[in-house]
Protein backbone atom coordinates (compact mmCIF):
# COMPACT_ATOMS: atom_id res chain seq x y z
CA UNK A 1 8.14 -13.14 -52.81
CA UNK A 2 6.58 -14.61 -49.56
CA UNK A 3 3.21 -16.06 -49.29
CA UNK A 4 2.27 -14.44 -45.89
CA UNK A 5 -1.21 -15.06 -44.73
CA UNK A 6 -2.75 -12.53 -42.45
CA UNK A 7 -3.24 -13.45 -38.73
CA UNK A 8 -6.73 -14.51 -37.64
CA UNK A 9 -8.87 -11.76 -36.31
CA UNK A 10 -8.88 -11.21 -32.51
CA UNK A 11 -11.92 -12.43 -30.62
CA UNK A 12 -14.57 -9.84 -29.99
CA UNK A 13 -16.08 -9.13 -26.61
CA UNK A 14 -19.21 -11.23 -26.92
CA UNK A 15 -21.76 -11.79 -24.10
CA UNK A 16 -20.04 -15.06 -23.29
CA UNK A 17 -16.62 -13.54 -23.09
CA UNK A 18 -17.97 -10.66 -20.90
CA UNK A 19 -19.81 -13.25 -18.65
CA UNK A 20 -16.39 -15.04 -18.37
CA UNK A 21 -14.76 -11.85 -17.36
CA UNK A 22 -17.47 -11.04 -14.75
CA UNK A 23 -17.19 -14.65 -13.31
CA UNK A 24 -13.54 -14.47 -13.03
CA UNK A 25 -13.71 -11.08 -11.41
CA UNK A 26 -16.34 -12.29 -8.93
CA UNK A 27 -14.37 -15.39 -8.08
CA UNK A 28 -11.27 -13.25 -7.38
CA UNK A 29 -13.30 -10.93 -5.20
CA UNK A 30 -14.66 -13.93 -3.23
CA UNK A 31 -11.19 -15.38 -2.87
CA UNK A 32 -9.80 -12.10 -1.72
CA UNK A 33 -12.46 -11.20 0.79
CA UNK A 34 -12.92 -14.90 1.86
CA UNK A 35 -9.24 -15.40 2.65
CA UNK A 36 -9.09 -12.20 4.56
CA UNK A 37 -12.19 -13.14 6.63
CA UNK A 38 -10.99 -16.73 7.24
CA UNK A 39 -7.39 -15.85 8.18
CA UNK A 40 -7.34 -12.24 9.44
CA UNK A 41 -9.47 -12.85 12.58
CA UNK A 42 -7.56 -15.89 13.94
CA UNK A 43 -4.15 -14.32 13.01
CA UNK A 44 -5.14 -11.11 15.02
CA UNK A 45 -6.27 -13.15 17.88
CA UNK A 46 -2.90 -15.02 17.79
CA UNK A 47 -1.04 -11.68 17.88
CA UNK A 48 -3.28 -10.39 20.74
CA UNK A 49 -2.17 -13.47 22.78
CA UNK A 50 1.54 -12.43 22.20
CA UNK A 51 2.20 -15.27 19.79
CA UNK A 52 4.60 -14.74 16.94
CA UNK A 53 3.20 -14.84 13.35
CA UNK A 54 2.09 -18.27 12.16
CA UNK A 55 4.84 -19.86 10.21
CA UNK A 56 3.81 -21.67 6.92
CA UNK A 57 7.44 -22.15 5.81
CA UNK A 58 9.85 -21.20 8.59
CA UNK A 59 12.31 -18.50 7.67
CA UNK A 60 10.32 -17.58 4.53
CA UNK A 61 6.50 -17.37 4.67
CA UNK A 62 4.19 -16.49 7.60
CA UNK A 63 0.69 -15.51 8.22
CA UNK A 64 0.86 -12.06 10.01
CA UNK A 65 -2.04 -9.55 10.17
CA UNK A 66 -1.25 -6.10 9.05
CA UNK A 67 -3.62 -3.17 8.76
CA UNK A 68 -2.41 -1.31 5.72
CA UNK A 69 -3.80 2.19 6.02
CA UNK A 70 -1.58 3.50 3.18
CA UNK A 71 -0.99 2.60 -0.40
CA UNK A 72 1.35 0.04 -1.88
CA UNK A 73 3.90 -1.11 0.73
CA UNK A 74 2.12 1.01 3.21
CA UNK A 75 3.31 4.38 1.63
CA UNK A 76 1.40 7.47 2.48
CA UNK A 77 -0.53 6.10 5.50
CA UNK A 78 -3.57 7.94 6.94
CA UNK A 79 -4.87 9.06 3.53
CA UNK A 80 -7.63 6.52 3.09
CA UNK A 81 -9.93 8.92 1.28
CA UNK A 82 -7.21 9.43 -1.42
CA UNK A 83 -6.89 5.66 -1.91
CA UNK A 84 -10.68 5.15 -1.93
CA UNK A 85 -10.84 7.79 -4.76
CA UNK A 86 -7.75 6.19 -6.43
CA UNK A 87 -9.42 2.71 -6.26
CA UNK A 88 -12.68 3.96 -7.66
CA UNK A 89 -10.71 5.70 -10.53
CA UNK A 90 -8.82 2.43 -11.24
CA UNK A 91 -12.05 0.39 -11.32
CA UNK A 92 -13.50 2.92 -13.77
CA UNK A 93 -10.38 2.73 -15.92
CA UNK A 94 -10.46 -1.05 -16.01
CA UNK A 95 -14.09 -1.02 -17.22
CA UNK A 96 -13.12 1.65 -19.81
CA UNK A 97 -10.27 -0.58 -21.04
CA UNK A 98 -12.74 -3.42 -21.33
CA UNK A 99 -15.20 -1.41 -23.34
CA UNK A 100 -12.50 0.11 -25.56
CA UNK A 101 -11.17 -3.34 -26.30
CA UNK A 102 -14.49 -4.87 -27.28
CA UNK A 103 -13.20 -5.45 -30.75
CA UNK A 104 -10.18 -7.18 -29.49
CA UNK A 105 -10.83 -9.12 -26.33
CA UNK A 106 -8.03 -11.79 -26.23
CA UNK A 107 -8.42 -14.26 -23.33
CA UNK A 108 -5.15 -13.40 -21.60
CA UNK A 109 -6.22 -9.69 -21.60
CA UNK A 110 -9.62 -10.58 -20.08
CA UNK A 111 -7.99 -12.79 -17.41
CA UNK A 112 -5.44 -10.07 -16.58
CA UNK A 113 -8.17 -7.34 -16.33
CA UNK A 114 -10.36 -9.71 -14.28
CA UNK A 115 -7.65 -10.49 -11.74
CA UNK A 116 -6.63 -6.82 -11.46
CA UNK A 117 -10.33 -5.69 -11.05
CA UNK A 118 -11.06 -8.43 -8.51
CA UNK A 119 -8.11 -7.39 -6.42
CA UNK A 120 -9.06 -3.75 -6.58
CA UNK A 121 -12.68 -4.34 -5.64
CA UNK A 122 -11.53 -6.45 -2.56
CA UNK A 123 -9.22 -3.69 -1.38
CA UNK A 124 -11.78 -1.05 -2.21
CA UNK A 125 -14.18 -2.98 0.04
CA UNK A 126 -11.68 -3.07 2.86
CA UNK A 127 -11.01 0.59 2.57
CA UNK A 128 -14.69 1.50 2.68
CA UNK A 129 -15.68 -0.87 5.49
CA UNK A 130 -12.56 -1.09 7.65
CA UNK A 131 -10.49 2.06 6.81
CA UNK A 132 -7.56 0.03 5.74
CA UNK A 133 -6.60 -3.06 3.69
CA UNK A 134 -6.23 -6.33 5.50
CA UNK A 135 -2.84 -7.85 4.54
CA UNK A 136 -1.60 -11.08 6.05
CA UNK A 137 0.83 -12.90 3.72
CA UNK A 138 4.33 -12.08 5.03
CA UNK A 139 7.46 -13.02 3.19
CA UNK A 140 10.76 -12.40 5.07
CA UNK A 141 12.07 -10.36 2.07
CA UNK A 142 8.83 -8.48 1.05
CA UNK A 143 6.26 -6.20 2.56
CA UNK A 144 3.05 -7.94 3.79
CA UNK A 145 0.24 -8.35 1.19
CA UNK A 146 -2.97 -10.26 0.51
CA UNK A 147 -4.47 -12.50 -2.05
C-alpha cells in the first residue's frame, strides 16, 4: 500500500488573480503598441531614404518595417475584415477560457492567456486603425513579426 496524499487544490480565479491577469494583458498591449509606435515610424523613414534595414545583429536580426495585410506569415493578404473578425473571436475565446477556468486558475495559465490576449489586442488595434499589422522584427531565417 502507498500513502499517497492528494495534490493541493488549484488556485481559484480571485479578484486579485484577475487583476494580475488584466495588468499583465495591459502591459503586453502597451509594450506591443509602444514598440510599434517608437520603432515603426523611424524605420519607415529609413526605408524611404533608400537605406537598408537597421541591423541589430548583422546577418541575423534587423529592424525592418513590414505592413502585414494578411494573417500569420502574411498569408491571405487583402482580407483585413476576415482577420478583424477572427481577432475579435479569438479575444472572446480567451475571455471564455478565463471564465471557464475560474475554479482552476494556475499562474502559468493566466500568464499565457494574458500574453496571448495582449498580442491579439495589439494586432486587433493595428488592423482596425491601420488596415494591417505593423511588423518590424526581421530575422534572416523567419518572416518579420512584432513584439
